[in-house]
Amino acid sequence: MVRHHERPGKHMRITVEFIGFPDMVQAVGQKRAELDVKAVSVKHLIDELIHRYGEQARKSFYGRDGCDPNVHIVLNREKYISLDQHETAINEGDLVTFMLVVAGG
């Protein structure tokens, strides 16, 4: 029986990287980290990061209208993950890069 507070998936080791994302670097303590996570998708990984790093992480990924469109995600330096692709599967050994892209003028 699955409890509501348990995260789906199996434990795996992945690498997360934060580029131009100072709040998450501060929360995690480094720009790049290997993490043991229990996640099956990019969305579950984001949920896991929020669970681990709290309100600062939640505010980094979500605005008042949902996922922040300024947060760009790339899987294994090859595949761009758009907002409607957060169910994309992640696997043991993957590199998930989160980039905060902000334009101004």
C-alpha atoms as a PDB file:
ATOM      1  CA  MET A   1       0.000   0.000   0.000  1.00  0.00           C
ATOM      2  CA  VAL A   2       1.392   3.411  -0.997  1.00  0.00           C
ATOM      3  CA  ARG A   3       1.143   6.147   1.593  1.00  0.00           C
ATOM      4  CA  HIS A   4       0.291   9.643   0.392  1.00  0.00           C
ATOM      5  CA  HIS A   5       3.598  11.120   1.620  1.00  0.00           C
ATOM      6  CA  GLU A   6       5.727   8.589  -0.261  1.00  0.00           C
ATOM      7  CA  ARG A   7       7.170   9.584  -3.602  1.00  0.00           C
ATOM      8  CA  PRO A   8       6.678   7.292  -6.595  1.00  0.00           C
ATOM      9  CA  GLY A   9       9.558   5.490  -8.227  1.00  0.00           C
ATOM     10  CA  LYS A  10      12.678   3.699  -7.176  1.00  0.00           C
ATOM     11  CA  HIS A  11      15.795   5.146  -5.602  1.00  0.00           C
ATOM     12  CA  MET A  12      18.402   6.214  -8.130  1.00  0.00           C
ATOM     13  CA  ARG A  13      21.421   8.452  -8.306  1.00  0.00           C
ATOM     14  CA  ILE A  14      21.240  11.417 -10.656  1.00  0.00           C
ATOM     15  CA  THR A  15      23.124  14.670 -11.063  1.00  0.00           C
ATOM     16  CA  VAL A  16      21.392  18.030 -10.882  1.00  0.00           C
ATOM     17  CA  GLU A  17      22.983  21.218 -12.125  1.00  0.00           C
ATOM     18  CA  PHE A  18      21.822  24.804 -11.609  1.00  0.00           C
ATOM     19  CA  ILE A  19      22.879  27.513 -14.082  1.00  0.00           C
ATOM     20  CA  GLY A  20      21.986  31.146 -13.393  1.00  0.00           C
ATOM     21  CA  PHE A  21      19.814  29.896 -10.539  1.00  0.00           C
ATOM     22  CA  PRO A  22      21.271  31.497  -7.376  1.00  0.00           C
ATOM     23  CA  ASP A  23      18.389  30.610  -5.045  1.00  0.00           C
ATOM     24  CA  MET A  24      18.729  26.900  -5.781  1.00  0.00           C
ATOM     25  CA  VAL A  25      22.530  27.032  -5.582  1.00  0.00           C
ATOM     26  CA  GLN A  26      22.126  28.587  -2.138  1.00  0.00           C
ATOM     27  CA  ALA A  27      19.519  26.011  -1.079  1.00  0.00           C
ATOM     28  CA  VAL A  28      21.525  22.999  -2.299  1.00  0.00           C
ATOM     29  CA  GLY A  29      24.894  24.469  -1.351  1.00  0.00           C
ATOM     30  CA  GLN A  30      26.515  23.967  -4.752  1.00  0.00           C
ATOM     31  CA  LYS A  31      25.921  24.441  -8.475  1.00  0.00           C
ATOM     32  CA  ARG A  32      26.123  20.741  -9.255  1.00  0.00           C
ATOM     33  CA  ALA A  33      25.227  17.837  -6.982  1.00  0.00           C
ATOM     34  CA  GLU A  34      24.786  14.089  -7.163  1.00  0.00           C
ATOM     35  CA  LEU A  35      21.592  13.118  -5.377  1.00  0.00           C
ATOM     36  CA  ASP A  36      19.926   9.884  -4.409  1.00  0.00           C
ATOM     37  CA  VAL A  37      16.301  10.476  -5.294  1.00  0.00           C
ATOM     38  CA  LYS A  38      13.088   8.573  -5.547  1.00  0.00           C
ATOM     39  CA  ALA A  39      11.609   9.965  -8.728  1.00  0.00           C
ATOM     40  CA  VAL A  40      10.319   8.715 -12.057  1.00  0.00           C
ATOM     41  CA  SER A  41       9.932  11.979 -13.958  1.00  0.00           C
ATOM     42  CA  VAL A  42      11.176  15.537 -14.112  1.00  0.00           C
ATOM     43  CA  LYS A  43       8.059  16.619 -12.203  1.00  0.00           C
ATOM     44  CA  HIS A  44       8.779  14.115  -9.430  1.00  0.00           C
ATOM     45  CA  LEU A  45      12.366  15.375  -9.287  1.00  0.00           C
ATOM     46  CA  ILE A  46      11.156  18.952  -8.837  1.00  0.00           C
ATOM     47  CA  ASP A  47       8.782  17.741  -6.101  1.00  0.00           C
ATOM     48  CA  GLU A  48      11.703  15.935  -4.441  1.00  0.00           C
ATOM     49  CA  LEU A  49      13.858  19.083  -4.547  1.00  0.00           C
ATOM     50  CA  ILE A  50      11.022  21.074  -2.972  1.00  0.00           C
ATOM     51  CA  HIS A  51      10.566  18.382  -0.314  1.00  0.00           C
ATOM     52  CA  ARG A  52      14.294  18.467   0.512  1.00  0.00           C
ATOM     53  CA  TYR A  53      14.994  22.189   0.282  1.00  0.00           C
ATOM     54  CA  GLY A  54      11.666  23.693   1.343  1.00  0.00           C
ATOM     55  CA  GLU A  55      10.042  27.007   0.639  1.00  0.00           C
ATOM     56  CA  GLN A  56      13.060  28.517  -1.103  1.00  0.00           C
ATOM     57  CA  ALA A  57      12.987  25.705  -3.671  1.00  0.00           C
ATOM     58  CA  ARG A  58       9.217  25.936  -4.106  1.00  0.00           C
ATOM     59  CA  LYS A  59       9.469  29.663  -4.819  1.00  0.00           C
ATOM     60  CA  SER A  60      12.308  28.990  -7.261  1.00  0.00           C
ATOM     61  CA  PHE A  61      10.256  26.597  -9.381  1.00  0.00           C
ATOM     62  CA  TYR A  62       6.713  27.929  -9.011  1.00  0.00           C
ATOM     63  CA  GLY A  63       5.131  31.345  -9.294  1.00  0.00           C
ATOM     64  CA  ARG A  64       1.604  32.210  -8.308  1.00  0.00           C
ATOM     65  CA  ASP A  65       0.368  30.889 -11.676  1.00  0.00           C
ATOM     66  CA  GLY A  66       2.168  27.516 -11.624  1.00  0.00           C
ATOM     67  CA  CYS A  67       5.558  26.501 -12.970  1.00  0.00           C
ATOM     68  CA  ASP A  68       7.830  29.455 -13.640  1.00  0.00           C
ATOM     69  CA  PRO A  69       8.314  29.643 -17.434  1.00  0.00           C
ATOM     70  CA  ASN A  70      11.766  31.197 -16.837  1.00  0.00           C
ATOM     71  CA  VAL A  71      13.021  27.872 -15.477  1.00  0.00           C
ATOM     72  CA  HIS A  72      14.394  25.897 -18.415  1.00  0.00           C
ATOM     73  CA  ILE A  73      15.250  22.213 -18.044  1.00  0.00           C
ATOM     74  CA  VAL A  74      17.638  20.122 -20.136  1.00  0.00           C
ATOM     75  CA  LEU A  75      18.057  16.359 -19.772  1.00  0.00           C
ATOM     76  CA  ASN A  76      21.537  14.928 -20.376  1.00  0.00           C
ATOM     77  CA  ARG A  77      22.627  18.085 -22.235  1.00  0.00           C
ATOM     78  CA  GLU A  78      20.519  16.918 -25.208  1.00  0.00           C
ATOM     79  CA  LYS A  79      16.785  17.183 -24.630  1.00  0.00           C
ATOM     80  CA  TYR A  80      14.987  20.402 -23.752  1.00  0.00           C
ATOM     81  CA  ILE A  81      12.064  19.723 -21.398  1.00  0.00           C
ATOM     82  CA  SER A  82       9.237  22.197 -21.980  1.00  0.00           C
ATOM     83  CA  LEU A  83       6.560  23.018 -19.402  1.00  0.00           C
ATOM     84  CA  ASP A  84       4.191  20.462 -20.930  1.00  0.00           C
ATOM     85  CA  GLN A  85       6.864  17.713 -20.818  1.00  0.00           C
ATOM     86  CA  HIS A  86       7.486  17.540 -17.064  1.00  0.00           C
ATOM     87  CA  GLU A  87       6.294  13.909 -17.078  1.00  0.00           C
ATOM     88  CA  THR A  88       9.433  12.994 -19.070  1.00  0.00           C
ATOM     89  CA  ALA A  89      11.086   9.968 -17.450  1.00  0.00           C
ATOM     90  CA  ILE A  90      14.423  10.231 -15.695  1.00  0.00           C
ATOM     91  CA  ASN A  91      16.796   7.332 -15.173  1.00  0.00           C
ATOM     92  CA  GLU A  92      19.781   6.283 -13.109  1.00  0.00           C
ATOM     93  CA  GLY A  93      22.823   8.394 -13.996  1.00  0.00           C
ATOM     94  CA  ASP A  94      20.917  11.174 -15.760  1.00  0.00           C
ATOM     95  CA  LEU A  95      22.063  14.801 -15.657  1.00  0.00           C
ATOM     96  CA  VAL A  96      19.194  17.236 -15.179  1.00  0.00           C
ATOM     97  CA  THR A  97      20.152  20.881 -15.741  1.00  0.00           C
ATOM     98  CA  PHE A  98      17.926  23.679 -14.470  1.00  0.00           C
ATOM     99  CA  MET A  99      18.559  27.131 -15.934  1.00  0.00           C
ATOM    100  CA  LEU A 100      16.921  30.342 -14.828  1.00  0.00           C
ATOM    101  CA  VAL A 101      16.617  32.493 -17.933  1.00  0.00           C
ATOM    102  CA  VAL A 102      15.613  36.081 -17.271  1.00  0.00           C
ATOM    103  CA  ALA A 103      15.575  38.828 -19.890  1.00  0.00           C
ATOM    104  CA  GLY A 104      15.338  42.478 -19.178  1.00  0.00           C
ATOM    105  CA  GLY A 105      15.791  45.753 -20.795  1.00  0.00           C
END
